[in-house]
Amino acid sequence: MKTTKQFFLAYGIISLIFLFVAMPGYASDEKVAKSDEKVKENGWDNGEEQIALNVPISSPSFSIFPIAIVNDEPITIEDLKKAVGRLHGGVEKKETSSRKDYSEIIKRLINTKLIVQEAKNMGFDELEEVKNMVDKYAKSTLLSLLQGQYVKDLKADEAEVDKLYKQMVKEWKIKSVLFDKEDDAKKFEEEIKAGGNFDERIESLITEGKVKGKKEGVYLKDKDLLPQIIKTLSDMNAGSISPVISVDSGYIVFRLDDVRYPDNPDVKDEARDKVLEIERFKALSNYNRELSNKYIKLNKKIIDTINFESKQPGFQNLLKDKRVVAEVKGGKPVTVEEWAEAIKKEFFHGVDEAIKNKKINQKKIDILQKILGKKIFRLEALKKGIDKTEEYKSMINEYEISVLFGLFMRKVIAPNVKLKDEELKAYYDEHISEFSFPQMMKIDTIVFKKIQDAESSLDKLKKGAEFSFIKENADGQVDGSTEGLLGFGNAPVVTSELSEDVQRAVAGAGSGDLRMYVSPEKYYYILYIKDMIPSKPQPFEDAKDLIYDKVLKNKLGKAVDDWTDKLRKDSTIRIYAIDYNNK
């Protein structure tokens, strides 16, 4: 369960009121309010001098400024920035056209602080369950921060990026013909080899209905082609003819007309990310070897001879074996016992079955390397003082908050929230539109360059011609690889999600209807409504699980508000954000 609602912040400025008194944790131990005095959240003592500041939330210079203090614990600008930036990964750019409303976010931060404080008062932070979760997260965080620091300055090799990019965007222009019989395909191949005109023979065969194919070449990507066709293409040059290739639907012969590499910045970025990921992996592998030489001394005799699948001494005895398989400089040695325990966790479905299938000895070295890798990276991280950094401390603190909040929800709040079928049915009736299947259409298209060709084909279709035949053979069609063409795929599409002009074109259409549509690019589409699926409500029983989640979320939210309302009465809360206090 998420501990706080996620919000997005492009950029923001929040106004703060600071009082000329000492704040806990900042100037002295003097409290903002007397211990027996509950300060109002929407105000401050009139007798205190005040100063108002407009604080840019993105600026690190103001990150430790408190926007609120809850029972002597501050909520800072940094906390606010993280809360509003979680949904989209952080603050991205300055936006000055409108001010943000931070009141609800600040309220939730205060509520979270109150809940976590109460969880600590109940001793939840002392539970082994919580300690183990935080410890496990702390160890993995140390490793990830160290590794992140090591590779942060790596740049992708642009030559490798360009090489991969070309592979990803490469398109083959192919003109092909499909035969039903292999003999016919081979006869065609021989005719072309003997000097026959490829284009003329294809046009003749298509017109006579003896083969399937298009009279114009089509650009295709590797993902659109069968493996045997890709393999053949890799050895061809533009203008060359393929041999006869067997496919599921018959026998194909094609000509490679062209190879192109369309410009696609998004794919270029994707290629760069992939290359960088590979280079980071290589760098970390080298780093691992370097640290292994620095920290590890292996007992190769034990490692080479130990057999986790042998009946003697048996796996259960190895779980108690204290022999050292690796000395770790500055850390505890790795024993057979620790190694066996890691293997047991790896094969959590059952060690006996893994032994029976001879799987353990195959993976024993990989598992040992994982154990050693964690140890040496942790030692190096501690040596570099990463555990002392604010980034590390902040990450551990945030994780502990999420664990305590979640545990409080699970143990204190959730058990008192009950749902009845009548509530679920009432929600269903009140929000029936949320649980209705939208109208959908399955649409096929033929796209023409000229309106005369489109109208001619539409007339033939209305007179009974098969749509598939017209699509295969009509003249004047736009090349299917042309960028920006509308495509509806093979699955039904939600009508309301179509562009407004397409919605107007298909409005009122039923299954089997034909409609004409002219795109902004002046292409002329024949839209064939292969199927129209009308909107209808989802049965209550089918939607019940989803309704349950929605109603439960609402009731849990209300329960949290009720709890924090009680906690506020016994808490000292001072809020310095004018944006909040003006609400």
Foldseek 3Di string as FASTA:
>chain_A
DFLFDAAAAQWAKFKFKDWPDDAQPGDDNDHQDPQVDFDDALDHDPVTDIDMDTGILPDPVQFAPFQKAWQSRGDGSVNLQCRNHVVPNGHHHDDDPDHDQCQVVVVSVNLLVLLLVVLVVVVVCVDPVLVVVLVVVLLVVLLVVLLCVQLVPDFFDVVQLVVVLCLVQKKWWKFKKFAAAPVVQQVVVVCVVVPDDPLVVRVVCVVVVRIFTASGTAIDHPVVDDPVVVVQVVPDDAQDKGHWDDDPRGIMIMGTHDMDGDDDVVSSVVSRVVRSVVVSVVSVVVVLVVLCVVFKDFPVVCVVPDDQLDVVVHLVVLLVFADFGMGTVPDDTDTSNNLSVLLCVVPVVDPNVCSVVVNRNVCSVVSVSVVVSSVSSSVVSVVVVVCVDPVSVVVSVVVSSRVSSVVCLVPPQVVPDDDDPVVLVVVCVVPQVVQKDAKWFFKDKWKFQDPVQVVVLVVVVVVPDDPVSCNRDRPRTDRPNDPPDDDDPGDIDGLVPDPPQVNVQCPPPAAQDWTWGQDPVRMIMIMGGNHIDHMGGDDSVVCVVVSVVVVSVVVSVVSSVVVVVVSSVSMHMYGTTNSNSVD
